[in-house]
Amino acid sequence: MNPYRGEVSLVVDGAPRAMRLSLGALAELEAALGEDSLLAMVERFETGSFRSADLISLLLAGMRGAGQPMERETLVNAAIEGGPMAAAKAGALLLKRAFSVADEAV
């Protein structure tokens, strides 16, 4: 995992999955969440007004951005190491790394 590239790892069904929010993944996430802007999307997560379905969309976008796509139903039914809290932390780190400059990524 390379944090300088914005990568985050999440263990799903016992296997580590790389995630990264590429520009294309961010655009897909905006559309999936029905947000009008990137800022509105980020604020949704920063203010804690996101739903579990939003978190799933974020994690799926990260997996697609890292070239490791997964079907929504697969992730919904998967065992995530550390449970929902680990998934939320990984999502938060994913957003942070997507908007950090390289020397702040660690």
Protein backbone atom coordinates (compact mmCIF):
# COMPACT_ATOMS: atom_id res chain seq x y z
CA MET A 1 0.00 0.00 0.00
CA ASN A 2 1.36 3.38 -0.99
CA PRO A 3 -0.12 6.25 1.06
CA TYR A 4 1.66 8.77 -1.18
CA ARG A 5 -0.60 7.63 -4.01
CA GLY A 6 -3.63 7.96 -1.73
CA GLU A 7 -3.96 4.22 -1.24
CA VAL A 8 -5.76 2.67 1.72
CA SER A 9 -6.21 -1.01 2.55
CA LEU A 10 -9.37 -2.74 3.74
CA VAL A 11 -9.51 -6.45 4.57
CA VAL A 12 -12.64 -7.94 3.00
CA ASP A 13 -13.44 -11.62 3.49
CA GLY A 14 -9.90 -12.17 4.74
CA ALA A 15 -8.17 -10.60 1.73
CA PRO A 16 -6.61 -7.12 1.71
CA ARG A 17 -8.16 -4.85 -0.91
CA ALA A 18 -6.47 -1.70 -2.16
CA MET A 19 -8.54 1.45 -2.47
CA ARG A 20 -7.73 4.80 -4.07
CA LEU A 21 -9.95 7.67 -5.15
CA SER A 22 -8.95 8.51 -8.71
CA LEU A 23 -10.67 11.43 -10.40
CA GLY A 24 -12.95 9.02 -12.23
CA ALA A 25 -13.82 7.24 -8.99
CA LEU A 26 -14.64 10.60 -7.37
CA ALA A 27 -16.93 11.50 -10.29
CA GLU A 28 -18.72 8.16 -9.98
CA LEU A 29 -19.08 8.67 -6.23
CA GLU A 30 -20.57 12.15 -6.72
CA ALA A 31 -23.14 10.69 -9.10
CA ALA A 32 -23.91 7.72 -6.84
CA LEU A 33 -24.52 10.03 -3.88
CA GLY A 34 -26.50 12.53 -5.94
CA GLU A 35 -24.26 15.44 -4.93
CA ASP A 36 -23.86 18.57 -7.06
CA SER A 37 -20.23 19.17 -6.16
CA LEU A 38 -17.13 17.53 -4.81
CA LEU A 39 -17.20 19.87 -1.81
CA ALA A 40 -20.79 18.90 -0.96
CA MET A 41 -19.85 15.25 -1.13
CA VAL A 42 -16.86 15.67 1.19
CA GLU A 43 -18.91 17.77 3.61
CA ARG A 44 -21.47 14.99 3.78
CA PHE A 45 -18.81 12.71 5.25
CA GLU A 46 -17.06 15.36 7.36
CA THR A 47 -20.28 16.39 9.10
CA GLY A 48 -21.26 12.79 9.83
CA SER A 49 -24.47 13.07 7.82
CA PHE A 50 -23.63 10.05 5.68
CA ARG A 51 -25.53 6.76 5.68
CA SER A 52 -24.10 3.26 5.64
CA ALA A 53 -25.08 3.07 1.95
CA ASP A 54 -22.93 6.16 1.35
CA LEU A 55 -19.97 4.47 3.05
CA ILE A 56 -20.44 1.40 0.88
CA SER A 57 -20.46 3.62 -2.23
CA LEU A 58 -17.25 5.32 -1.03
CA LEU A 59 -15.47 2.02 -0.43
CA LEU A 60 -16.60 0.65 -3.81
CA ALA A 61 -15.39 3.82 -5.56
CA GLY A 62 -12.03 3.43 -3.82
CA MET A 63 -11.73 -0.18 -4.95
CA ARG A 64 -12.59 0.79 -8.54
CA GLY A 65 -10.07 3.63 -8.39
CA ALA A 66 -7.37 1.18 -7.35
CA GLY A 67 -8.27 -1.22 -10.15
CA GLN A 68 -9.86 -3.76 -7.78
CA PRO A 69 -13.59 -3.44 -8.50
CA MET A 70 -16.13 -5.33 -6.44
CA GLU A 71 -19.86 -5.77 -6.86
CA ARG A 72 -22.01 -3.85 -4.38
CA GLU A 73 -23.84 -6.99 -3.24
CA THR A 74 -20.52 -8.72 -2.59
CA LEU A 75 -19.32 -5.92 -0.30
CA VAL A 76 -22.69 -5.64 1.45
CA ASN A 77 -22.52 -9.34 2.36
CA ALA A 78 -18.78 -9.47 3.07
CA ALA A 79 -17.01 -9.80 6.39
CA ILE A 80 -14.93 -6.67 6.90
CA GLU A 81 -12.07 -7.12 9.33
CA GLY A 82 -12.73 -4.79 12.24
CA GLY A 83 -16.39 -4.42 11.34
CA PRO A 84 -18.29 -1.22 10.53
CA MET A 85 -15.91 0.98 12.54
CA ALA A 86 -12.90 -0.23 10.54
CA ALA A 87 -14.84 0.38 7.32
CA ALA A 88 -15.71 3.93 8.42
CA LYS A 89 -12.10 4.64 9.41
CA ALA A 90 -10.84 3.33 6.07
CA GLY A 91 -13.37 5.52 4.26
CA ALA A 92 -12.30 8.59 6.23
CA LEU A 93 -8.63 7.88 5.51
CA LEU A 94 -9.45 7.34 1.85
CA LEU A 95 -11.02 10.80 1.62
CA LYS A 96 -8.18 12.38 3.58
CA ARG A 97 -5.52 10.88 1.35
CA ALA A 98 -7.40 11.84 -1.81
CA PHE A 99 -7.22 15.49 -0.80
CA SER A 100 -3.78 15.61 0.86
CA VAL A 101 -0.53 16.68 -0.71
CA ALA A 102 2.10 13.94 -0.85
CA ASP A 103 4.13 14.98 2.20
CA GLU A 104 0.96 15.06 4.35
CA ALA A 105 -0.28 11.62 3.27
CA VAL A 106 1.34 9.68 6.09
